[in-house]
């Protein structure tokens, strides 16, 4: 678990590939406030048939752009953003 959390922290997002629900995959990234605390999360749910290789890369890039944009609006310092 600690290894997985370290990966998530480094990448700035986490993925679930049918780990909690059959036929359900998700990618999620935190919204960090100005104090460095997680104040929310943005998640994208997608069926496993569409959650592969290049698609995961594309979704993760778009997700991080979105969460960074939200955090910028909140005033979260760039050193606290993934």
C-alpha atoms as a PDB file:
ATOM      1  CA  UNK A   1       0.000   0.000   0.000  1.00  0.00           C
ATOM      2  CA  UNK A   2       2.808   2.451   0.837  1.00  0.00           C
ATOM      3  CA  UNK A   3       4.442   1.772  -2.540  1.00  0.00           C
ATOM      4  CA  UNK A   4       1.178   2.449  -4.376  1.00  0.00           C
ATOM      5  CA  UNK A   5       0.593   5.680  -2.434  1.00  0.00           C
ATOM      6  CA  UNK A   6       4.116   6.838  -3.267  1.00  0.00           C
ATOM      7  CA  UNK A   7       3.411   6.228  -6.977  1.00  0.00           C
ATOM      8  CA  UNK A   8       0.158   8.189  -6.756  1.00  0.00           C
ATOM      9  CA  UNK A   9       1.887  11.090  -5.020  1.00  0.00           C
ATOM     10  CA  UNK A  10       4.660  11.158  -7.614  1.00  0.00           C
ATOM     11  CA  UNK A  11       2.300  11.004 -10.626  1.00  0.00           C
ATOM     12  CA  UNK A  12      -0.371  13.273  -9.135  1.00  0.00           C
ATOM     13  CA  UNK A  13      -3.215  10.847  -9.842  1.00  0.00           C
ATOM     14  CA  UNK A  14      -4.385   7.331  -9.071  1.00  0.00           C
ATOM     15  CA  UNK A  15      -6.147   4.700 -11.099  1.00  0.00           C
ATOM     16  CA  UNK A  16      -8.517   1.873 -10.305  1.00  0.00           C
ATOM     17  CA  UNK A  17      -8.930  -0.909 -12.826  1.00  0.00           C
ATOM     18  CA  UNK A  18     -11.916  -2.922 -11.648  1.00  0.00           C
ATOM     19  CA  UNK A  19     -10.393  -3.103  -8.156  1.00  0.00           C
ATOM     20  CA  UNK A  20     -13.570  -1.955  -6.400  1.00  0.00           C
ATOM     21  CA  UNK A  21     -16.271  -2.668  -9.001  1.00  0.00           C
ATOM     22  CA  UNK A  22     -16.479  -5.079 -11.914  1.00  0.00           C
ATOM     23  CA  UNK A  23     -16.812  -3.298 -15.286  1.00  0.00           C
ATOM     24  CA  UNK A  24     -15.726   0.026 -13.749  1.00  0.00           C
ATOM     25  CA  UNK A  25     -12.400   1.823 -14.074  1.00  0.00           C
ATOM     26  CA  UNK A  26     -11.504   5.278 -12.830  1.00  0.00           C
ATOM     27  CA  UNK A  27      -8.719   7.807 -12.728  1.00  0.00           C
ATOM     28  CA  UNK A  28      -8.692  10.513 -10.052  1.00  0.00           C
ATOM     29  CA  UNK A  29      -6.567  13.451  -8.925  1.00  0.00           C
ATOM     30  CA  UNK A  30      -6.795  15.577  -5.781  1.00  0.00           C
ATOM     31  CA  UNK A  31      -7.624  19.250  -5.461  1.00  0.00           C
ATOM     32  CA  UNK A  32      -5.128  20.682  -2.976  1.00  0.00           C
ATOM     33  CA  UNK A  33      -5.953  23.899  -1.132  1.00  0.00           C
ATOM     34  CA  UNK A  34      -3.623  26.759  -0.213  1.00  0.00           C
ATOM     35  CA  UNK A  35      -2.537  24.998   2.991  1.00  0.00           C
ATOM     36  CA  UNK A  36      -1.546  21.784   1.217  1.00  0.00           C
ATOM     37  CA  UNK A  37      -4.582  19.808   2.341  1.00  0.00           C
ATOM     38  CA  UNK A  38      -6.767  17.836  -0.033  1.00  0.00           C
ATOM     39  CA  UNK A  39     -10.077  19.661  -0.321  1.00  0.00           C
ATOM     40  CA  UNK A  40     -11.625  17.614  -3.122  1.00  0.00           C
ATOM     41  CA  UNK A  41     -11.070  15.192  -5.963  1.00  0.00           C
ATOM     42  CA  UNK A  42     -11.828  15.117  -9.681  1.00  0.00           C
ATOM     43  CA  UNK A  43     -12.489  11.630 -11.038  1.00  0.00           C
ATOM     44  CA  UNK A  44     -13.228  10.185 -14.452  1.00  0.00           C
ATOM     45  CA  UNK A  45     -15.085   6.862 -14.672  1.00  0.00           C
ATOM     46  CA  UNK A  46     -14.801   4.787 -17.818  1.00  0.00           C
ATOM     47  CA  UNK A  47     -15.602   1.215 -18.895  1.00  0.00           C
ATOM     48  CA  UNK A  48     -12.646  -1.202 -18.945  1.00  0.00           C
ATOM     49  CA  UNK A  49     -12.946  -1.670 -22.710  1.00  0.00           C
ATOM     50  CA  UNK A  50     -11.919   1.988 -23.185  1.00  0.00           C
ATOM     51  CA  UNK A  51      -9.359   2.164 -20.348  1.00  0.00           C
ATOM     52  CA  UNK A  52      -6.154   1.088 -22.054  1.00  0.00           C
ATOM     53  CA  UNK A  53      -2.610   2.370 -22.736  1.00  0.00           C
ATOM     54  CA  UNK A  54      -2.796   5.577 -24.759  1.00  0.00           C
ATOM     55  CA  UNK A  55      -6.270   6.357 -23.433  1.00  0.00           C
ATOM     56  CA  UNK A  56      -5.015   6.274 -19.827  1.00  0.00           C
ATOM     57  CA  UNK A  57      -2.146   8.597 -20.783  1.00  0.00           C
ATOM     58  CA  UNK A  58      -4.536  11.000 -22.531  1.00  0.00           C
ATOM     59  CA  UNK A  59      -7.008  10.985 -19.643  1.00  0.00           C
ATOM     60  CA  UNK A  60      -4.299  11.512 -17.017  1.00  0.00           C
ATOM     61  CA  UNK A  61      -2.843  14.510 -18.892  1.00  0.00           C
ATOM     62  CA  UNK A  62      -6.272  16.100 -19.254  1.00  0.00           C
ATOM     63  CA  UNK A  63      -7.147  15.352 -15.630  1.00  0.00           C
ATOM     64  CA  UNK A  64      -3.948  16.974 -14.338  1.00  0.00           C
ATOM     65  CA  UNK A  65      -4.537  20.031 -16.542  1.00  0.00           C
ATOM     66  CA  UNK A  66      -8.040  20.352 -15.105  1.00  0.00           C
ATOM     67  CA  UNK A  67      -7.037  19.915 -11.462  1.00  0.00           C
ATOM     68  CA  UNK A  68      -4.089  22.298 -11.843  1.00  0.00           C
ATOM     69  CA  UNK A  69      -6.404  24.876 -13.389  1.00  0.00           C
ATOM     70  CA  UNK A  70      -8.812  24.537 -10.449  1.00  0.00           C
ATOM     71  CA  UNK A  71      -5.988  24.812  -7.925  1.00  0.00           C
ATOM     72  CA  UNK A  72      -4.599  27.871  -9.707  1.00  0.00           C
ATOM     73  CA  UNK A  73      -8.032  29.509  -9.373  1.00  0.00           C
ATOM     74  CA  UNK A  74      -8.042  28.620  -5.657  1.00  0.00           C
ATOM     75  CA  UNK A  75      -4.623  30.217  -5.271  1.00  0.00           C
ATOM     76  CA  UNK A  76      -2.804  26.966  -4.472  1.00  0.00           C
ATOM     77  CA  UNK A  77       0.946  27.617  -4.807  1.00  0.00           C
ATOM     78  CA  UNK A  78       2.550  25.802  -7.752  1.00  0.00           C
ATOM     79  CA  UNK A  79       4.946  23.941  -5.432  1.00  0.00           C
ATOM     80  CA  UNK A  80       1.922  22.188  -3.874  1.00  0.00           C
ATOM     81  CA  UNK A  81       0.470  21.109  -7.231  1.00  0.00           C
ATOM     82  CA  UNK A  82       1.435  17.869  -9.032  1.00  0.00           C
END
